[in-house]
Structures are given as C-alpha cells and as structure tokens.
C-alpha atoms as a PDB file:
ATOM      1  CA  MET A   1     -52.378 202.927 140.827  1.00  0.00           C
ATOM      2  CA  ILE A   2     -49.334 200.699 140.823  1.00  0.00           C
ATOM      3  CA  LEU A   3     -47.176 203.508 139.438  1.00  0.00           C
ATOM      4  CA  THR A   4     -48.259 205.974 142.101  1.00  0.00           C
ATOM      5  CA  THR A   5     -47.810 203.391 144.865  1.00  0.00           C
ATOM      6  CA  PHE A   6     -44.267 202.682 143.587  1.00  0.00           C
ATOM      7  CA  LEU A   7     -43.627 206.460 143.433  1.00  0.00           C
ATOM      8  CA  SER A   8     -44.675 206.839 147.053  1.00  0.00           C
ATOM      9  CA  TYR A   9     -42.268 204.031 148.019  1.00  0.00           C
ATOM     10  CA  VAL A  10     -39.394 205.734 146.208  1.00  0.00           C
ATOM     11  CA  LEU A  11     -40.231 209.064 147.874  1.00  0.00           C
ATOM     12  CA  SER A  12     -40.474 207.460 151.365  1.00  0.00           C
ATOM     13  CA  VAL A  13     -36.995 205.932 151.019  1.00  0.00           C
ATOM     14  CA  ALA A  14     -35.263 209.014 149.583  1.00  0.00           C
ATOM     15  CA  PRO A  15     -35.288 211.269 152.706  1.00  0.00           C
ATOM     16  CA  THR A  16     -33.607 208.653 154.908  1.00  0.00           C
ATOM     17  CA  ALA A  17     -30.557 207.931 152.824  1.00  0.00           C
ATOM     18  CA  SER A  18     -28.028 209.804 150.782  1.00  0.00           C
ATOM     19  CA  SER A  19     -26.074 208.127 148.023  1.00  0.00           C
ATOM     20  CA  THR A  20     -22.278 208.154 148.143  1.00  0.00           C
ATOM     21  CA  ARG A  21     -22.047 207.645 144.372  1.00  0.00           C
ATOM     22  CA  SER A  22     -20.693 210.411 142.138  1.00  0.00           C
ATOM     23  CA  TRP A  23     -23.379 209.679 139.522  1.00  0.00           C
ATOM     24  CA  ALA A  24     -26.347 209.962 141.951  1.00  0.00           C
ATOM     25  CA  GLY A  25     -27.679 213.170 140.437  1.00  0.00           C
ATOM     26  CA  THR A  26     -27.726 211.734 136.941  1.00  0.00           C
ATOM     27  CA  GLY A  27     -29.241 208.524 138.213  1.00  0.00           C
ATOM     28  CA  MET A  28     -32.068 210.389 139.964  1.00  0.00           C
ATOM     29  CA  ALA A  29     -32.710 212.396 136.867  1.00  0.00           C
ATOM     30  CA  VAL A  30     -33.025 209.208 134.798  1.00  0.00           C
ATOM     31  CA  GLN A  31     -35.368 207.731 137.465  1.00  0.00           C
ATOM     32  CA  TRP A  32     -37.636 210.797 137.350  1.00  0.00           C
ATOM     33  CA  ALA A  33     -37.617 210.694 133.551  1.00  0.00           C
ATOM     34  CA  ALA A  34     -38.592 207.015 133.558  1.00  0.00           C
ATOM     35  CA  MET A  35     -41.471 207.715 135.956  1.00  0.00           C
ATOM     36  CA  GLY A  36     -42.592 210.735 133.938  1.00  0.00           C
ATOM     37  CA  ILE A  37     -42.487 208.867 130.630  1.00  0.00           C
ATOM     38  CA  ALA A  38     -44.479 206.008 132.166  1.00  0.00           C
ATOM     39  CA  ALA A  39     -47.097 208.378 133.534  1.00  0.00           C
ATOM     40  CA  VAL A  40     -47.516 210.081 130.176  1.00  0.00           C
ATOM     41  CA  HIS A  41     -47.673 206.714 128.474  1.00  0.00           C
ATOM     42  CA  VAL A  42     -50.346 205.397 130.876  1.00  0.00           C
ATOM     43  CA  THR A  43     -52.416 208.580 130.574  1.00  0.00           C
ATOM     44  CA  TYR A  44     -52.191 208.665 126.777  1.00  0.00           C
ATOM     45  CA  TYR A  45     -53.303 205.033 126.320  1.00  0.00           C
ATOM     46  CA  GLY A  46     -55.932 205.445 129.049  1.00  0.00           C
ATOM     47  CA  ARG A  47     -57.558 208.315 127.280  1.00  0.00           C
ATOM     48  CA  LYS A  48     -57.132 206.672 123.860  1.00  0.00           C
ATOM     49  CA  GLY A  49     -59.021 203.589 125.185  1.00  0.00           C
ATOM     50  CA  TYR A  50     -62.209 205.663 125.436  1.00  0.00           C
ATOM     51  CA  PHE A  51     -62.229 206.497 121.738  1.00  0.00           C
ATOM     52  CA  VAL A  52     -61.598 203.139 120.020  1.00  0.00           C
ATOM     53  CA  GLU A  53     -63.740 200.198 119.023  1.00  0.00           C
ATOM     54  CA  SER A  54     -65.082 198.121 121.871  1.00  0.00           C
ATOM     55  CA  HIS A  55     -62.714 195.173 121.244  1.00  0.00           C
ATOM     56  CA  ARG A  56     -59.450 197.235 121.134  1.00  0.00           C
ATOM     57  CA  PRO A  57     -59.063 198.683 124.668  1.00  0.00           C
ATOM     58  CA  ASP A  58     -57.735 195.372 125.977  1.00  0.00           C
ATOM     59  CA  ARG A  59     -54.779 195.650 123.583  1.00  0.00           C
ATOM     60  CA  LEU A  60     -54.036 199.176 124.889  1.00  0.00           C
ATOM     61  CA  LEU A  61     -53.905 197.843 128.458  1.00  0.00           C
ATOM     62  CA  VAL A  62     -50.851 195.813 127.509  1.00  0.00           C
ATOM     63  CA  TYR A  63     -48.956 199.002 126.612  1.00  0.00           C
ATOM     64  CA  GLN A  64     -49.850 200.581 129.932  1.00  0.00           C
ATOM     65  CA  VAL A  65     -48.692 197.565 131.940  1.00  0.00           C
ATOM     66  CA  GLU A  66     -45.426 197.448 129.949  1.00  0.00           C
ATOM     67  CA  ALA A  67     -44.775 201.120 130.648  1.00  0.00           C
ATOM     68  CA  VAL A  68     -45.282 200.759 134.398  1.00  0.00           C
ATOM     69  CA  LEU A  69     -43.206 197.533 134.664  1.00  0.00           C
ATOM     70  CA  GLY A  70     -40.485 199.145 132.526  1.00  0.00           C
ATOM     71  CA  ALA A  71     -40.407 202.152 134.865  1.00  0.00           C
ATOM     72  CA  ILE A  72     -40.189 199.966 137.916  1.00  0.00           C
ATOM     73  CA  VAL A  73     -37.331 197.916 136.419  1.00  0.00           C
ATOM     74  CA  VAL A  74     -35.397 201.060 135.354  1.00  0.00           C
ATOM     75  CA  VAL A  75     -35.848 202.791 138.725  1.00  0.00           C
ATOM     76  CA  MET A  76     -34.858 199.762 140.750  1.00  0.00           C
ATOM     77  CA  ALA A  77     -31.901 198.967 138.487  1.00  0.00           C
ATOM     78  CA  ILE A  78     -30.524 202.427 139.255  1.00  0.00           C
ATOM     79  CA  ASP A  79     -31.711 202.589 142.863  1.00  0.00           C
ATOM     80  CA  ILE A  80     -30.069 199.427 144.104  1.00  0.00           C
ATOM     81  CA  PRO A  81     -26.517 200.269 143.096  1.00  0.00           C
ATOM     82  CA  MET A  82     -26.952 203.927 143.834  1.00  0.00           C
ATOM     83  CA  PHE A  83     -27.894 203.357 147.464  1.00  0.00           C
ATOM     84  CA  ARG A  84     -25.688 200.380 148.158  1.00  0.00           C
ATOM     85  CA  GLY A  85     -23.300 201.491 150.975  1.00  0.00           C
ATOM     86  CA  ARG A  86     -25.483 204.605 151.608  1.00  0.00           C
ATOM     87  CA  ALA A  87     -25.032 207.014 154.387  1.00  0.00           C
ATOM     88  CA  ARG A  88     -28.024 207.035 156.735  1.00  0.00           C
ATOM     89  CA  ARG A  89     -29.630 210.376 157.614  1.00  0.00           C
ATOM     90  CA  GLY A  90     -31.798 209.512 160.557  1.00  0.00           C
ATOM     91  CA  PRO A  91     -34.565 207.026 161.230  1.00  0.00           C
ATOM     92  CA  SER A  92     -36.146 204.967 158.485  1.00  0.00           C
ATOM     93  CA  ALA A  93     -39.097 206.455 156.602  1.00  0.00           C
ATOM     94  CA  GLY A  94     -41.871 207.101 159.021  1.00  0.00           C
ATOM     95  CA  GLY A  95     -40.249 204.847 161.654  1.00  0.00           C
ATOM     96  CA  ARG A  96     -40.971 201.806 159.482  1.00  0.00           C
ATOM     97  CA  SER A  97     -38.717 198.808 159.792  1.00  0.00           C
ATOM     98  CA  ARG A  98     -36.818 197.425 156.856  1.00  0.00           C
ATOM     99  CA  ARG A  99     -39.221 194.517 156.660  1.00  0.00           C
ATOM    100  CA  ALA A 100     -42.184 196.872 156.512  1.00  0.00           C
ATOM    101  CA  ARG A 101     -40.668 198.801 153.669  1.00  0.00           C
ATOM    102  CA  SER A 102     -39.950 195.549 151.822  1.00  0.00           C
ATOM    103  CA  THR A 103     -43.531 194.428 152.260  1.00  0.00           C
ATOM    104  CA  PHE A 104     -44.688 197.826 150.983  1.00  0.00           C
ATOM    105  CA  ILE A 105     -42.780 197.437 147.763  1.00  0.00           C
ATOM    106  CA  LEU A 106     -44.096 193.888 147.301  1.00  0.00           C
ATOM    107  CA  LEU A 107     -47.663 195.229 147.629  1.00  0.00           C
ATOM    108  CA  ALA A 108     -46.884 197.735 144.856  1.00  0.00           C
END
C-alpha cells in the first residue's frame, strides 16, 4: 500500500512540471525501474510468505519493507535534483497547494 501511495504521489507531481535537466529521461527510466523492481520484490515475498513455516513470514516482511524504502530513497534522490529549477506547466496537481502535496508524501 505504501508503494502504491508513493507511486500516486509521483504521478500527481509529474504532469505539473517539466525538468530542465538533460538527463531527465534517463532519470525517469531509473525511477520506473526502481518502482518496478520493488513491486516485483514485494509480490514475490508476499506470495512466498504463504508457503513457508509459520514462524518465517515475519522475516520475509523485512525484505518487503527494505524494497519499498529503497525504492522511495532512489526515486526521491533522483527526483529532487531533476526537478530543482523546473519549468511549471500549469496549476499544481489537482489544484493542491504545495503544503498539501508535502503532507500527502508524509502520509505515504
């Protein structure tokens, strides 16, 4: 759930800004790859948790959390420099203020 909430945040910000960086295309590809790898990781360990001894699923949860947090760190590490000094393309996402978007990411 945290990964999909974070993905919705990233998608809500993307239409309102365009990066002025030359490496923006590569950066976005790396971001999508990180999100995809995390989703596969979470799905794999989620399904594997159903077929192990009763005391082991807790250990698998750690791998899922690490994958999600890793994806968030990678995406934000690329996103912040990529959109610094960005060109605005209209109103903010859904008319939300900057504070509302910041609160949204904190909830994720």
